[in-house]
Protein backbone atom coordinates (compact mmCIF):
# COMPACT_ATOMS: atom_id res chain seq x y z
CA MET A 1 0.00 0.00 0.00
CA ASN A 2 1.24 3.45 -0.89
CA THR A 3 -0.08 6.88 0.01
CA GLU A 4 -2.31 7.08 -3.07
CA GLN A 5 -3.90 3.74 -2.20
CA PHE A 6 -4.38 4.83 1.40
CA TRP A 7 -6.22 7.99 0.34
CA ALA A 8 -8.35 5.89 -2.02
CA LEU A 9 -9.18 3.64 0.96
CA ILE A 10 -10.26 6.70 2.97
CA ASP A 11 -12.39 7.90 0.04
CA GLN A 12 -13.99 4.46 -0.21
CA ALA A 13 -14.65 4.43 3.54
CA ARG A 14 -16.25 7.88 3.34
CA GLY A 15 -18.40 6.63 0.45
CA GLN A 16 -19.55 3.58 2.41
CA ALA A 17 -20.29 5.44 5.62
CA SER A 18 -23.97 6.15 6.17
CA ALA A 19 -22.87 9.51 7.61
CA PRO A 20 -19.55 10.65 6.06
CA SER A 21 -19.50 13.49 8.58
CA ASP A 22 -19.19 10.90 11.37
CA SER A 23 -15.43 10.55 11.60
CA TYR A 24 -15.68 7.48 13.84
CA GLU A 25 -17.87 5.70 11.31
CA VAL A 26 -15.43 6.57 8.52
CA ALA A 27 -12.52 5.24 10.59
CA GLU A 28 -14.45 2.04 11.27
CA GLN A 29 -15.22 1.60 7.57
CA ALA A 30 -11.54 2.19 6.75
CA ARG A 31 -10.49 -0.41 9.33
CA ALA A 32 -12.91 -2.97 7.88
CA LEU A 33 -11.76 -2.29 4.32
CA LEU A 34 -8.12 -2.56 5.33
CA ALA A 35 -8.62 -5.77 7.33
CA VAL A 36 -9.39 -7.77 4.18
CA ARG A 37 -6.20 -6.69 2.45
CA PRO A 38 -2.87 -8.54 2.60
CA ARG A 39 -0.95 -8.25 5.86
CA GLU A 40 1.86 -6.31 4.15
CA GLU A 41 -0.59 -3.64 3.03
CA ILE A 42 -2.03 -3.33 6.52
CA VAL A 43 1.45 -2.85 7.97
CA ALA A 44 2.27 -0.31 5.25
CA ALA A 45 -0.92 1.58 6.11
CA GLN A 46 0.32 1.96 9.70
CA GLN A 47 3.44 3.71 8.42
CA ILE A 48 1.32 5.96 6.21
CA VAL A 49 -0.85 7.00 9.17
CA CYS A 50 2.32 7.75 11.16
CA ASP A 51 3.72 9.76 8.26
CA LEU A 52 0.50 11.77 7.86
CA LEU A 53 0.49 12.56 11.56
CA ALA A 54 4.10 13.68 11.31
CA ASP A 55 3.42 15.75 8.18
CA SER A 56 0.62 17.57 9.99
CA TYR A 57 2.58 18.11 13.21
CA ARG A 58 2.74 21.88 12.90
CA GLY A 59 2.37 24.67 15.40
CA SER A 60 -0.01 26.57 13.15
CA LEU A 61 -2.32 23.56 12.96
CA TRP A 62 -2.07 23.01 16.70
CA ALA A 63 -3.13 26.62 17.28
CA ALA A 64 -6.08 26.09 14.93
CA ALA A 65 -7.09 22.90 16.77
CA TYR A 66 -6.82 24.80 20.05
CA LEU A 67 -9.22 27.45 18.77
CA VAL A 68 -11.76 25.04 17.30
CA ASN A 69 -11.76 22.59 20.19
CA GLY A 70 -11.54 25.14 22.99
CA GLY A 71 -8.15 23.80 24.04
CA CYS A 72 -5.88 21.07 22.77
CA SER A 73 -3.54 18.78 24.71
CA ASP A 74 -0.85 16.62 23.11
CA ASP A 75 -3.29 13.72 22.81
CA GLY A 76 -6.03 16.08 21.69
CA PHE A 77 -3.81 17.27 18.86
CA ASP A 78 -3.25 13.66 17.77
CA TYR A 79 -7.02 13.06 17.80
CA PHE A 80 -7.66 16.30 15.90
CA ARG A 81 -5.20 15.22 13.21
CA GLY A 82 -6.91 11.81 13.18
CA TRP A 83 -10.16 13.65 12.42
CA LEU A 84 -8.37 15.56 9.68
CA VAL A 85 -7.11 12.35 8.02
CA VAL A 86 -10.59 10.85 7.72
CA GLN A 87 -11.84 14.03 6.04
CA GLY A 88 -9.92 12.89 2.96
CA ARG A 89 -6.83 13.99 1.13
CA GLU A 90 -8.08 17.31 -0.27
CA VAL A 91 -9.23 18.59 3.12
CA PHE A 92 -6.17 17.17 4.90
CA GLU A 93 -3.71 18.83 2.53
CA ARG A 94 -5.60 22.13 2.34
CA ILE A 95 -5.98 22.52 6.10
CA THR A 96 -2.46 21.32 6.88
CA ALA A 97 -1.09 23.94 4.48
CA ALA A 98 -3.43 26.74 5.59
CA PRO A 99 -5.05 26.03 8.99
CA ASP A 100 -7.10 29.24 8.94
CA GLU A 101 -9.16 27.60 6.18
CA LEU A 102 -10.74 25.41 8.87
CA ALA A 103 -13.16 28.34 9.20
CA GLU A 104 -14.52 27.49 5.75
CA LEU A 105 -15.49 23.90 6.59
CA SER A 106 -19.10 23.20 7.50
CA ALA A 107 -17.86 20.61 10.02
CA THR A 108 -15.99 23.37 11.86
CA ARG A 109 -19.02 25.65 11.92
CA GLU A 110 -21.26 22.82 13.17
CA ALA A 111 -18.79 21.72 15.86
CA THR A 112 -18.31 25.28 17.06
CA ALA A 113 -22.06 25.93 17.15
CA ASN A 114 -22.74 22.68 19.06
CA GLY A 115 -19.77 22.87 21.43
CA GLU A 116 -18.29 19.69 19.97
CA GLU A 117 -14.67 18.86 19.26
CA LEU A 118 -13.20 17.89 15.94
CA GLU A 119 -11.40 14.68 16.89
CA CYS A 120 -11.15 11.03 15.96
CA GLU A 121 -8.91 8.88 18.12
CA ALA A 122 -10.09 5.82 16.15
CA THR A 123 -8.11 6.96 13.10
CA LEU A 124 -4.88 6.31 14.98
CA GLY A 125 -5.82 2.63 15.29
CA ILE A 126 -7.14 1.95 11.79
CA ALA A 127 -4.17 -0.19 10.77
CA SER A 128 -3.42 -1.75 14.14
CA ASN A 129 -7.04 -2.81 14.58
CA ALA A 130 -7.23 -4.07 10.98
CA HIS A 131 -4.09 -6.12 11.62
CA LEU A 132 -5.60 -7.58 14.78
CA ASP A 133 -8.82 -8.40 12.89
CA ALA A 134 -6.93 -10.01 10.00
CA THR A 135 -4.28 -11.95 11.90
CA GLY A 136 -5.38 -12.10 15.53
CA GLU A 137 -2.04 -10.51 16.41
CA GLU A 138 -0.83 -7.04 17.30
CA ILE A 139 0.93 -5.17 14.53
CA PRO A 140 4.71 -5.61 15.05
CA ALA A 141 6.09 -2.54 16.82
CA ASP A 142 9.25 -2.63 14.72
CA SER A 143 7.30 -2.46 11.44
CA PHE A 144 6.78 1.32 11.54
CA THR A 145 8.45 4.45 12.84
CA VAL A 146 7.12 7.71 14.18
CA ARG A 147 9.16 10.74 13.21
CA TYR A 148 7.64 13.94 14.53
CA PRO A 149 9.54 17.04 13.47
CA SER A 150 10.27 19.94 15.80
CA LEU A 151 7.50 22.48 15.98
CA ASP A 152 8.09 25.84 14.33
CA PRO A 153 9.29 28.20 17.08
CA GLU A 154 7.38 31.11 15.56
CA TRP A 155 4.15 29.36 16.60
CA GLU A 156 5.27 28.94 20.21
CA PHE A 157 3.05 31.46 21.97
CA ASP A 158 0.22 31.38 24.48
CA TYR A 159 -2.79 30.01 22.60
CA GLU A 160 -4.99 31.72 25.20
CA ASP A 161 -3.83 35.07 23.77
CA ALA A 162 -6.97 35.99 21.82
CA ALA A 163 -5.36 39.00 20.15
CA GLU A 164 -2.49 36.88 18.84
CA MET A 165 -4.89 34.18 17.64
CA ARG A 166 -6.93 36.84 15.82
CA ARG A 167 -3.76 38.11 14.17
CA ARG A 168 -2.47 34.70 13.10
CA LEU A 169 -5.73 32.85 12.33
CA PRO A 170 -8.19 35.68 11.63
CA ARG A 171 -11.05 33.77 9.97
CA LEU A 172 -10.95 30.92 12.43
CA ALA A 173 -10.67 33.25 15.42
CA ALA A 174 -13.66 35.25 14.15
CA SER A 175 -15.78 32.10 14.19
CA CYS A 176 -14.44 30.61 17.44
CA LEU A 177 -13.77 33.52 19.76
CA ASN A 178 -16.53 35.65 21.21
């Protein structure tokens, strides 16, 4: 499995979900679709998930997640990026490149209006759970690596600073801050 095939799997899972806006249902569909593939593809998918999480490990995105979710711990940032993955490639790449564009997503507006968080912890286990389903065994820990980069120091500021958030993420701050 390569990255293109992984994104196609996510698209297929979104297409099969009765509610594509339900990130947990999409993750479950992706797990089920992956579980019937060869073991090597399942293991490769784990590395792809790790790589996508690393690619989206950015201070600007963390600040955006903090705004949308009303706070964002380390784990919360992982779960937010899990949610972002199951939105599909176009949304993932667009928001990772320009986090302020989260303000344009209907899911963001709905979550903000309803006091809900954009998160999907289940995404992090798509491959490991598929491997367990397919083989009855845990995915080998030495079959993937996690390589988070250092965060950009220019985004190291107090995310509670509303004025700074408005300056850096103006559209998102306008929709999330009162």
